Amino acid sequence: MTRALAILVLATSVAYADQPAVPAAPATPAGPAAPADTPPTEPAAALREANAAATAGDWTKVAAYVQPLLARSLEPTDLGEAHRLAGLAAFFGNHLPEAEQHFFAYLKLDLDGHLDPALYPPEVVNFFYDVRARHKAELNALRPPTKRYAVLNLVPPFGQFQNGERTKGIVVGSLLGAFLVANVTSYLVVRSWCHNPGSTCDDSGTDHFRRANQLTTVNTLTGLGAIVTYIYGVWDGVSGYRRRTREQRYTPYVAPSNDGAMIGVSTRF
């Protein structure tokens, strides 16, 4: 019995030894840690994410997105947008001097830049326009001078249009045109009736004496009206030209300060 049991145990051991070994499953390597929320490298993508963060009011994330951009060489439009967003982030972070620097840099790149009151609270909008007011003289000096020609003042209504007075130019031009048309038309009609001095009959023999006198009066009045309108148009054009020239050369400004306000005039040479 004991001998038979030993033989059975030996046979079982041999059977297990003949089976192929099952390979152990390889250990699964630990995956890499989740990447941090780093700003995109493309300026357009970074600005898009920064604007989305600004809409959500996450100003810390806005600053994280735009600060790397400010150290790079960007297109003026992208750089201006980066400064605008950086100014907003600095303002809401209570870093007002830094906010003013960024807003001023933004305005130098976009002289007509603004903040939409529908998107941002009144306090930051007021602060932005206060920055614009304090730096008005410097910003105006960056505007390219508008090309203007003094000779156009001799041709109303082009002088008015050049001075930015569109409505006045339309009125002056309409009056001058109406007077000239009436003057030329009345002259041609009277001329067709009266071929010789003292003659008031046309080729058919019709007497136009009374009507010719009326049209002669109309011709005289419309001629005077055209002359007066022309003289006024030239005077008004020259006056507006000189006024606009002074405005471009001398720009008044008001700079608020803690002790009140400083009023001055900036000039361009």
C-alpha atoms as a PDB file:
ATOM      1  CA  MET A   1       0.000   0.000   0.000  1.00  0.00           C
ATOM      2  CA  THR A   2       2.713   2.386   0.955  1.00  0.00           C
ATOM      3  CA  ARG A   3       4.711   1.373  -2.052  1.00  0.00           C
ATOM      4  CA  ALA A   4       1.745   1.946  -4.373  1.00  0.00           C
ATOM      5  CA  LEU A   5       1.106   5.415  -2.887  1.00  0.00           C
ATOM      6  CA  ALA A   6       4.705   6.443  -3.460  1.00  0.00           C
ATOM      7  CA  ILE A   7       4.498   5.347  -7.103  1.00  0.00           C
ATOM      8  CA  LEU A   8       1.277   7.447  -7.550  1.00  0.00           C
ATOM      9  CA  VAL A   9       2.880  10.542  -6.071  1.00  0.00           C
ATOM     10  CA  LEU A  10       5.910  10.151  -8.341  1.00  0.00           C
ATOM     11  CA  ALA A  11       3.722   9.783 -11.425  1.00  0.00           C
ATOM     12  CA  THR A  12       1.751  12.914 -10.548  1.00  0.00           C
ATOM     13  CA  SER A  13       4.984  14.913 -10.128  1.00  0.00           C
ATOM     14  CA  VAL A  14       6.249  13.758 -13.512  1.00  0.00           C
ATOM     15  CA  ALA A  15       2.937  14.758 -15.158  1.00  0.00           C
ATOM     16  CA  TYR A  16       3.111  18.285 -13.785  1.00  0.00           C
ATOM     17  CA  ALA A  17       6.747  18.584 -14.794  1.00  0.00           C
ATOM     18  CA  ASP A  18       5.886  17.694 -18.412  1.00  0.00           C
ATOM     19  CA  GLN A  19       3.343  20.592 -18.751  1.00  0.00           C
ATOM     20  CA  PRO A  20       4.705  23.814 -20.334  1.00  0.00           C
ATOM     21  CA  ALA A  21       5.164  26.679 -17.978  1.00  0.00           C
ATOM     22  CA  VAL A  22       2.606  29.493 -18.378  1.00  0.00           C
ATOM     23  CA  PRO A  23       4.451  32.801 -18.751  1.00  0.00           C
ATOM     24  CA  ALA A  24       3.623  35.409 -16.184  1.00  0.00           C
ATOM     25  CA  ALA A  25       1.767  38.441 -17.426  1.00  0.00           C
ATOM     26  CA  PRO A  26       4.156  41.332 -17.941  1.00  0.00           C
ATOM     27  CA  ALA A  27       3.916  44.057 -15.393  1.00  0.00           C
ATOM     28  CA  THR A  28       2.051  47.079 -16.729  1.00  0.00           C
ATOM     29  CA  PRO A  29       4.394  50.052 -16.629  1.00  0.00           C
ATOM     30  CA  ALA A  30       3.146  53.020 -14.742  1.00  0.00           C
ATOM     31  CA  GLY A  31       1.762  55.631 -17.171  1.00  0.00           C
ATOM     32  CA  PRO A  32       3.265  59.126 -17.364  1.00  0.00           C
ATOM     33  CA  ALA A  33       1.840  61.766 -15.130  1.00  0.00           C
ATOM     34  CA  ALA A  34      -0.930  63.892 -16.657  1.00  0.00           C
ATOM     35  CA  PRO A  35       0.571  66.900 -18.454  1.00  0.00           C
ATOM     36  CA  ALA A  36       0.261  70.214 -16.729  1.00  0.00           C
ATOM     37  CA  ASP A  37      -2.039  72.882 -18.196  1.00  0.00           C
ATOM     38  CA  THR A  38       0.688  74.728 -20.082  1.00  0.00           C
ATOM     39  CA  PRO A  39      -0.128  77.696 -22.353  1.00  0.00           C
ATOM     40  CA  PRO A  40      -0.193  77.030 -26.112  1.00  0.00           C
ATOM     41  CA  THR A  41       2.894  78.112 -27.996  1.00  0.00           C
ATOM     42  CA  GLU A  42       0.987  79.579 -30.945  1.00  0.00           C
ATOM     43  CA  PRO A  43       0.043  83.233 -30.258  1.00  0.00           C
ATOM     44  CA  ALA A  44      -3.416  82.874 -31.794  1.00  0.00           C
ATOM     45  CA  ALA A  45      -4.216  79.804 -29.692  1.00  0.00           C
ATOM     46  CA  ALA A  46      -2.816  81.383 -26.523  1.00  0.00           C
ATOM     47  CA  LEU A  47      -4.832  84.561 -27.042  1.00  0.00           C
ATOM     48  CA  ARG A  48      -7.948  82.527 -27.731  1.00  0.00           C
ATOM     49  CA  GLU A  49      -7.502  80.605 -24.476  1.00  0.00           C
ATOM     50  CA  ALA A  50      -6.731  83.838 -22.613  1.00  0.00           C
ATOM     51  CA  ASN A  51      -9.942  85.437 -23.878  1.00  0.00           C
ATOM     52  CA  ALA A  52     -11.910  82.376 -22.831  1.00  0.00           C
ATOM     53  CA  ALA A  53     -10.332  82.585 -19.364  1.00  0.00           C
ATOM     54  CA  ALA A  54     -11.136  86.310 -19.222  1.00  0.00           C
ATOM     55  CA  THR A  55     -14.771  85.556 -20.044  1.00  0.00           C
ATOM     56  CA  ALA A  56     -14.778  83.075 -17.154  1.00  0.00           C
ATOM     57  CA  GLY A  57     -13.140  85.641 -14.854  1.00  0.00           C
ATOM     58  CA  ASP A  58     -10.045  83.476 -14.261  1.00  0.00           C
ATOM     59  CA  TRP A  59      -7.495  86.288 -14.274  1.00  0.00           C
ATOM     60  CA  THR A  60      -4.673  84.137 -12.930  1.00  0.00           C
ATOM     61  CA  LYS A  61      -4.994  81.892 -15.963  1.00  0.00           C
ATOM     62  CA  VAL A  62      -5.226  84.946 -18.237  1.00  0.00           C
ATOM     63  CA  ALA A  63      -1.891  86.200 -16.897  1.00  0.00           C
ATOM     64  CA  ALA A  64      -0.342  82.740 -17.315  1.00  0.00           C
ATOM     65  CA  TYR A  65      -1.380  82.665 -20.972  1.00  0.00           C
ATOM     66  CA  VAL A  66      -0.287  86.174 -21.996  1.00  0.00           C
ATOM     67  CA  GLN A  67       2.911  86.730 -20.005  1.00  0.00           C
ATOM     68  CA  PRO A  68       4.979  84.345 -22.189  1.00  0.00           C
ATOM     69  CA  LEU A  69       3.679  86.153 -25.275  1.00  0.00           C
ATOM     70  CA  LEU A  70       4.907  89.545 -24.065  1.00  0.00           C
ATOM     71  CA  ALA A  71       8.482  88.260 -24.091  1.00  0.00           C
ATOM     72  CA  ARG A  72       8.215  87.239 -27.756  1.00  0.00           C
ATOM     73  CA  SER A  73       8.295  89.127 -31.032  1.00  0.00           C
ATOM     74  CA  LEU A  74       4.671  89.288 -32.162  1.00  0.00           C
ATOM     75  CA  GLU A  75       2.650  91.007 -34.806  1.00  0.00           C
ATOM     76  CA  PRO A  76       1.402  94.426 -33.586  1.00  0.00           C
ATOM     77  CA  THR A  77      -2.202  93.196 -33.472  1.00  0.00           C
ATOM     78  CA  ASP A  78      -1.341  90.136 -31.361  1.00  0.00           C
ATOM     79  CA  LEU A  79       1.002  92.127 -29.133  1.00  0.00           C
ATOM     80  CA  GLY A  80      -1.660  94.765 -28.533  1.00  0.00           C
ATOM     81  CA  GLU A  81      -4.218  92.109 -27.603  1.00  0.00           C
ATOM     82  CA  ALA A  82      -1.715  90.515 -25.233  1.00  0.00           C
ATOM     83  CA  HIS A  83      -1.134  93.863 -23.495  1.00  0.00           C
ATOM     84  CA  ARG A  84      -4.885  94.465 -23.265  1.00  0.00           C
ATOM     85  CA  LEU A  85      -5.467  91.107 -21.577  1.00  0.00           C
ATOM     86  CA  ALA A  86      -2.419  91.573 -19.350  1.00  0.00           C
ATOM     87  CA  GLY A  87      -3.800  94.957 -18.293  1.00  0.00           C
ATOM     88  CA  LEU A  88      -7.125  93.391 -17.358  1.00  0.00           C
ATOM     89  CA  ALA A  89      -5.398  90.647 -15.371  1.00  0.00           C
ATOM     90  CA  ALA A  90      -3.208  93.205 -13.562  1.00  0.00           C
ATOM     91  CA  PHE A  91      -6.198  95.410 -12.766  1.00  0.00           C
ATOM     92  CA  PHE A  92      -8.227  92.592 -11.244  1.00  0.00           C
ATOM     93  CA  GLY A  93      -5.085  91.474  -9.404  1.00  0.00           C
ATOM     94  CA  ASN A  94      -4.989  94.965  -7.843  1.00  0.00           C
ATOM     95  CA  HIS A  95      -1.705  95.847  -9.588  1.00  0.00           C
ATOM     96  CA  LEU A  96      -2.839  99.210 -10.910  1.00  0.00           C
ATOM     97  CA  PRO A  97       0.545 100.667 -12.040  1.00  0.00           C
ATOM     98  CA  GLU A  98       1.203  97.504 -14.019  1.00  0.00           C
ATOM     99  CA  ALA A  99      -2.308  97.646 -15.463  1.00  0.00           C
ATOM    100  CA  GLU A 100      -1.716 101.226 -16.604  1.00  0.00           C
ATOM    101  CA  GLN A 101       1.538 100.236 -18.316  1.00  0.00           C
ATOM    102  CA  HIS A 102      -0.150  97.424 -20.226  1.00  0.00           C
ATOM    103  CA  PHE A 103      -3.152  99.533 -21.232  1.00  0.00           C
ATOM    104  CA  PHE A 104      -0.863 102.344 -22.414  1.00  0.00           C
ATOM    105  CA  ALA A 105       1.188  99.855 -24.438  1.00  0.00           C
ATOM    106  CA  TYR A 106      -2.044  98.518 -25.942  1.00  0.00           C
ATOM    107  CA  LEU A 107      -3.238 102.020 -26.891  1.00  0.00           C
ATOM    108  CA  LYS A 108       0.091 102.841 -28.525  1.00  0.00           C
ATOM    109  CA  LEU A 109      -0.440  99.849 -30.802  1.00  0.00           C
ATOM    110  CA  ASP A 110      -4.149 100.545 -31.342  1.00  0.00           C
ATOM    111  CA  LEU A 111      -4.808 104.279 -31.013  1.00  0.00           C
ATOM    112  CA  ASP A 112      -8.567 103.710 -31.207  1.00  0.00           C
ATOM    113  CA  GLY A 113      -8.583 100.713 -28.855  1.00  0.00           C
ATOM    114  CA  HIS A 114     -11.385 100.386 -26.328  1.00  0.00           C
ATOM    115  CA  LEU A 115     -12.974  98.091 -23.759  1.00  0.00           C
ATOM    116  CA  ASP A 116     -16.504  96.906 -24.399  1.00  0.00           C
ATOM    117  CA  PRO A 117     -18.711  98.021 -21.459  1.00  0.00           C
ATOM    118  CA  ALA A 118     -20.972  95.062 -22.188  1.00  0.00           C
ATOM    119  CA  LEU A 119     -18.124  92.634 -21.395  1.00  0.00           C
ATOM    120  CA  TYR A 120     -16.247  94.283 -18.537  1.00  0.00           C
ATOM    121  CA  PRO A 121     -17.290  95.958 -15.256  1.00  0.00           C
ATOM    122  CA  PRO A 122     -17.530  99.772 -15.118  1.00  0.00           C
ATOM    123  CA  GLU A 123     -14.551 100.108 -12.776  1.00  0.00           C
ATOM    124  CA  VAL A 124     -12.056  98.647 -15.256  1.00  0.00           C
ATOM    125  CA  VAL A 125     -13.638 100.496 -18.200  1.00  0.00           C
ATOM    126  CA  ASN A 126     -13.360 103.803 -16.312  1.00  0.00           C
ATOM    127  CA  PHE A 127      -9.769 103.013 -15.372  1.00  0.00           C
ATOM    128  CA  PHE A 128      -8.956 102.246 -19.021  1.00  0.00           C
ATOM    129  CA  TYR A 129     -10.364 105.545 -20.290  1.00  0.00           C
ATOM    130  CA  ASP A 130      -8.640 107.368 -17.452  1.00  0.00           C
ATOM    131  CA  VAL A 131      -5.352 105.919 -18.740  1.00  0.00           C
ATOM    132  CA  ARG A 132      -6.257 107.127 -22.235  1.00  0.00           C
ATOM    133  CA  ALA A 133      -6.962 110.648 -20.881  1.00  0.00           C
ATOM    134  CA  ARG A 134      -3.683 110.805 -18.939  1.00  0.00           C
ATOM    135  CA  HIS A 135      -1.675 109.824 -22.010  1.00  0.00           C
ATOM    136  CA  LYS A 136      -3.770 111.680 -24.587  1.00  0.00           C
ATOM    137  CA  ALA A 137      -0.971 113.985 -25.687  1.00  0.00           C
ATOM    138  CA  GLU A 138       1.470 111.120 -26.203  1.00  0.00           C
ATOM    139  CA  LEU A 139      -1.111 109.076 -28.098  1.00  0.00           C
ATOM    140  CA  ASN A 140      -2.086 111.995 -30.335  1.00  0.00           C
ATOM    141  CA  ALA A 141       1.562 112.529 -31.195  1.00  0.00           C
ATOM    142  CA  LEU A 142       1.642 108.976 -32.605  1.00  0.00           C
ATOM    143  CA  ARG A 143      -1.174 109.622 -35.053  1.00  0.00           C
ATOM    144  CA  PRO A 144       0.104 110.210 -38.587  1.00  0.00           C
ATOM    145  CA  PRO A 145      -0.795 113.702 -39.818  1.00  0.00           C
ATOM    146  CA  THR A 146      -3.666 113.746 -42.284  1.00  0.00           C
ATOM    147  CA  LYS A 147      -2.727 114.957 -45.743  1.00  0.00           C
ATOM    148  CA  ARG A 148      -4.581 118.165 -46.448  1.00  0.00           C
ATOM    149  CA  TYR A 149      -4.277 120.550 -49.386  1.00  0.00           C
ATOM    150  CA  ALA A 150      -4.855 124.291 -49.096  1.00  0.00           C
ATOM    151  CA  VAL A 151      -5.740 124.587 -52.786  1.00  0.00           C
ATOM    152  CA  LEU A 152      -8.935 122.579 -52.238  1.00  0.00           C
ATOM    153  CA  ASN A 153     -10.314 125.513 -50.248  1.00  0.00           C
ATOM    154  CA  LEU A 154     -10.568 127.421 -53.529  1.00  0.00           C
ATOM    155  CA  VAL A 155     -12.975 124.816 -54.906  1.00  0.00           C
ATOM    156  CA  PRO A 156     -16.050 124.637 -52.662  1.00  0.00           C
ATOM    157  CA  PRO A 157     -17.359 122.256 -51.405  1.00  0.00           C
ATOM    158  CA  PHE A 158     -14.138 120.210 -51.449  1.00  0.00           C
ATOM    159  CA  GLY A 159     -12.644 122.431 -48.764  1.00  0.00           C
ATOM    160  CA  GLN A 160     -15.553 121.609 -46.442  1.00  0.00           C
ATOM    161  CA  PHE A 161     -15.229 117.874 -47.121  1.00  0.00           C
ATOM    162  CA  GLN A 162     -11.498 118.041 -46.448  1.00  0.00           C
ATOM    163  CA  ASN A 163     -12.166 119.728 -43.103  1.00  0.00           C
ATOM    164  CA  GLY A 164     -14.550 116.964 -42.089  1.00  0.00           C
ATOM    165  CA  GLU A 165     -17.671 119.179 -42.384  1.00  0.00           C
ATOM    166  CA  ARG A 166     -19.663 116.893 -44.647  1.00  0.00           C
ATOM    167  CA  THR A 167     -23.108 118.408 -44.013  1.00  0.00           C
ATOM    168  CA  LYS A 168     -21.885 121.943 -44.637  1.00  0.00           C
ATOM    169  CA  GLY A 169     -20.127 120.758 -47.770  1.00  0.00           C
ATOM    170  CA  ILE A 170     -23.343 119.217 -49.110  1.00  0.00           C
ATOM    171  CA  VAL A 171     -25.272 122.447 -48.452  1.00  0.00           C
ATOM    172  CA  VAL A 172     -22.630 124.690 -50.033  1.00  0.00           C
ATOM    173  CA  GLY A 173     -22.218 122.390 -53.003  1.00  0.00           C
ATOM    174  CA  SER A 174     -25.975 122.092 -53.576  1.00  0.00           C
ATOM    175  CA  LEU A 175     -26.504 125.873 -53.446  1.00  0.00           C
ATOM    176  CA  LEU A 176     -23.568 126.589 -55.716  1.00  0.00           C
ATOM    177  CA  GLY A 177     -24.665 123.949 -58.199  1.00  0.00           C
ATOM    178  CA  ALA A 178     -28.273 125.163 -58.223  1.00  0.00           C
ATOM    179  CA  PHE A 179     -27.249 128.791 -58.778  1.00  0.00           C
ATOM    180  CA  LEU A 180     -24.883 127.873 -61.603  1.00  0.00           C
ATOM    181  CA  VAL A 181     -27.417 125.642 -63.364  1.00  0.00           C
ATOM    182  CA  ALA A 182     -30.145 128.329 -63.147  1.00  0.00           C
ATOM    183  CA  ASN A 183     -27.739 131.033 -64.316  1.00  0.00           C
ATOM    184  CA  VAL A 184     -26.461 129.115 -67.329  1.00  0.00           C
ATOM    185  CA  THR A 185     -29.936 127.877 -68.302  1.00  0.00           C
ATOM    186  CA  SER A 186     -31.526 131.338 -68.134  1.00  0.00           C
ATOM    187  CA  TYR A 187     -28.671 132.785 -70.176  1.00  0.00           C
ATOM    188  CA  LEU A 188     -28.992 130.166 -72.908  1.00  0.00           C
ATOM    189  CA  VAL A 189     -32.780 130.581 -73.150  1.00  0.00           C
ATOM    190  CA  VAL A 190     -32.590 134.371 -73.403  1.00  0.00           C
ATOM    191  CA  ARG A 191     -29.766 134.007 -75.908  1.00  0.00           C
ATOM    192  CA  SER A 192     -31.909 131.700 -78.051  1.00  0.00           C
ATOM    193  CA  TRP A 193     -34.669 134.328 -78.086  1.00  0.00           C
ATOM    194  CA  CYS A 194     -32.567 137.392 -78.592  1.00  0.00           C
ATOM    195  CA  HIS A 195     -29.970 136.913 -81.326  1.00  0.00           C
ATOM    196  CA  ASN A 196     -29.190 140.609 -81.664  1.00  0.00           C
ATOM    197  CA  PRO A 197     -29.015 143.358 -79.055  1.00  0.00           C
ATOM    198  CA  GLY A 198     -32.488 144.770 -78.476  1.00  0.00           C
ATOM    199  CA  SER A 199     -34.164 141.857 -80.212  1.00  0.00           C
ATOM    200  CA  THR A 200     -36.749 139.901 -78.202  1.00  0.00           C
ATOM    201  CA  CYS A 201     -38.143 137.673 -80.958  1.00  0.00           C
ATOM    202  CA  ASP A 202     -37.076 134.164 -81.906  1.00  0.00           C
ATOM    203  CA  ASP A 203     -36.936 132.788 -85.456  1.00  0.00           C
ATOM    204  CA  SER A 204     -40.697 132.215 -85.542  1.00  0.00           C
ATOM    205  CA  GLY A 205     -41.366 135.879 -84.793  1.00  0.00           C
ATOM    206  CA  THR A 206     -42.810 135.237 -81.341  1.00  0.00           C
ATOM    207  CA  ASP A 207     -42.421 138.193 -79.025  1.00  0.00           C
ATOM    208  CA  HIS A 208     -40.604 137.210 -75.772  1.00  0.00           C
ATOM    209  CA  PHE A 209     -40.039 140.707 -74.484  1.00  0.00           C
ATOM    210  CA  ARG A 210     -41.622 140.252 -71.023  1.00  0.00           C
ATOM    211  CA  ARG A 211     -40.339 136.707 -70.482  1.00  0.00           C
ATOM    212  CA  ALA A 212     -36.893 137.739 -71.646  1.00  0.00           C
ATOM    213  CA  ASN A 213     -36.827 140.503 -69.054  1.00  0.00           C
ATOM    214  CA  GLN A 214     -37.871 138.051 -66.356  1.00  0.00           C
ATOM    215  CA  LEU A 215     -35.208 135.541 -67.333  1.00  0.00           C
ATOM    216  CA  THR A 216     -32.616 138.310 -67.475  1.00  0.00           C
ATOM    217  CA  THR A 217     -33.465 139.171 -63.880  1.00  0.00           C
ATOM    218  CA  VAL A 218     -33.243 135.501 -62.908  1.00  0.00           C
ATOM    219  CA  ASN A 219     -29.898 135.282 -64.680  1.00  0.00           C
ATOM    220  CA  THR A 220     -28.565 138.267 -62.757  1.00  0.00           C
ATOM    221  CA  LEU A 221     -29.793 137.079 -59.350  1.00  0.00           C
ATOM    222  CA  THR A 222     -28.556 133.530 -59.784  1.00  0.00           C
ATOM    223  CA  GLY A 223     -25.177 134.869 -60.930  1.00  0.00           C
ATOM    224  CA  LEU A 224     -24.919 136.991 -57.777  1.00  0.00           C
ATOM    225  CA  GLY A 225     -26.030 134.008 -55.679  1.00  0.00           C
ATOM    226  CA  ALA A 226     -23.328 131.815 -57.207  1.00  0.00           C
ATOM    227  CA  ILE A 227     -20.672 134.463 -56.559  1.00  0.00           C
ATOM    228  CA  VAL A 228     -21.739 134.985 -52.928  1.00  0.00           C
ATOM    229  CA  THR A 229     -21.912 131.226 -52.293  1.00  0.00           C
ATOM    230  CA  TYR A 230     -18.478 130.727 -53.823  1.00  0.00           C
ATOM    231  CA  ILE A 231     -16.933 133.487 -51.710  1.00  0.00           C
ATOM    232  CA  TYR A 232     -18.519 132.063 -48.557  1.00  0.00           C
ATOM    233  CA  GLY A 233     -17.350 128.555 -49.465  1.00  0.00           C
ATOM    234  CA  VAL A 234     -13.771 129.732 -49.897  1.00  0.00           C
ATOM    235  CA  TRP A 235     -13.819 131.764 -46.659  1.00  0.00           C
ATOM    236  CA  ASP A 236     -15.340 128.877 -44.700  1.00  0.00           C
ATOM    237  CA  GLY A 237     -12.911 126.381 -46.201  1.00  0.00           C
ATOM    238  CA  VAL A 238      -9.865 128.490 -45.341  1.00  0.00           C
ATOM    239  CA  SER A 239     -11.160 129.116 -41.792  1.00  0.00           C
ATOM    240  CA  GLY A 240     -11.773 125.420 -41.201  1.00  0.00           C
ATOM    241  CA  TYR A 241      -8.389 124.551 -42.692  1.00  0.00           C
ATOM    242  CA  ARG A 242      -6.585 126.886 -40.304  1.00  0.00           C
ATOM    243  CA  ARG A 243      -8.631 125.662 -37.349  1.00  0.00           C
ATOM    244  CA  ARG A 244      -7.880 122.012 -38.082  1.00  0.00           C
ATOM    245  CA  THR A 245      -4.203 122.823 -38.535  1.00  0.00           C
ATOM    246  CA  ARG A 246      -4.087 124.442 -35.088  1.00  0.00           C
ATOM    247  CA  GLU A 247      -5.903 121.467 -33.568  1.00  0.00           C
ATOM    248  CA  GLN A 248      -3.372 119.055 -35.024  1.00  0.00           C
ATOM    249  CA  ARG A 249      -0.437 121.167 -33.892  1.00  0.00           C
ATOM    250  CA  TYR A 250      -1.727 122.084 -30.418  1.00  0.00           C
ATOM    251  CA  THR A 251      -3.612 119.430 -28.464  1.00  0.00           C
ATOM    252  CA  PRO A 252      -5.036 120.316 -25.032  1.00  0.00           C
ATOM    253  CA  TYR A 253      -5.055 117.582 -22.408  1.00  0.00           C
ATOM    254  CA  VAL A 254      -6.051 116.972 -18.804  1.00  0.00           C
ATOM    255  CA  ALA A 255      -3.941 114.687 -16.611  1.00  0.00           C
ATOM    256  CA  PRO A 256      -5.668 113.700 -13.345  1.00  0.00           C
ATOM    257  CA  SER A 257      -3.473 113.276 -10.287  1.00  0.00           C
ATOM    258  CA  ASN A 258      -3.874 112.589  -6.587  1.00  0.00           C
ATOM    259  CA  ASP A 259      -3.771 116.315  -5.839  1.00  0.00           C
ATOM    260  CA  GLY A 260      -6.215 117.368  -8.538  1.00  0.00           C
ATOM    261  CA  ALA A 261      -5.558 117.662 -12.255  1.00  0.00           C
ATOM    262  CA  MET A 262      -2.945 119.157 -14.541  1.00  0.00           C
ATOM    263  CA  ILE A 263      -4.091 120.983 -17.662  1.00  0.00           C
ATOM    264  CA  GLY A 264      -1.693 121.529 -20.530  1.00  0.00           C
ATOM    265  CA  VAL A 265      -1.225 121.729 -24.276  1.00  0.00           C
ATOM    266  CA  SER A 266       0.895 119.427 -26.355  1.00  0.00           C
ATOM    267  CA  THR A 267       2.401 120.624 -29.632  1.00  0.00           C
ATOM    268  CA  ARG A 268       3.878 118.954 -32.687  1.00  0.00           C
ATOM    269  CA  PHE A 269       6.827 120.411 -34.582  1.00  0.00           C
END
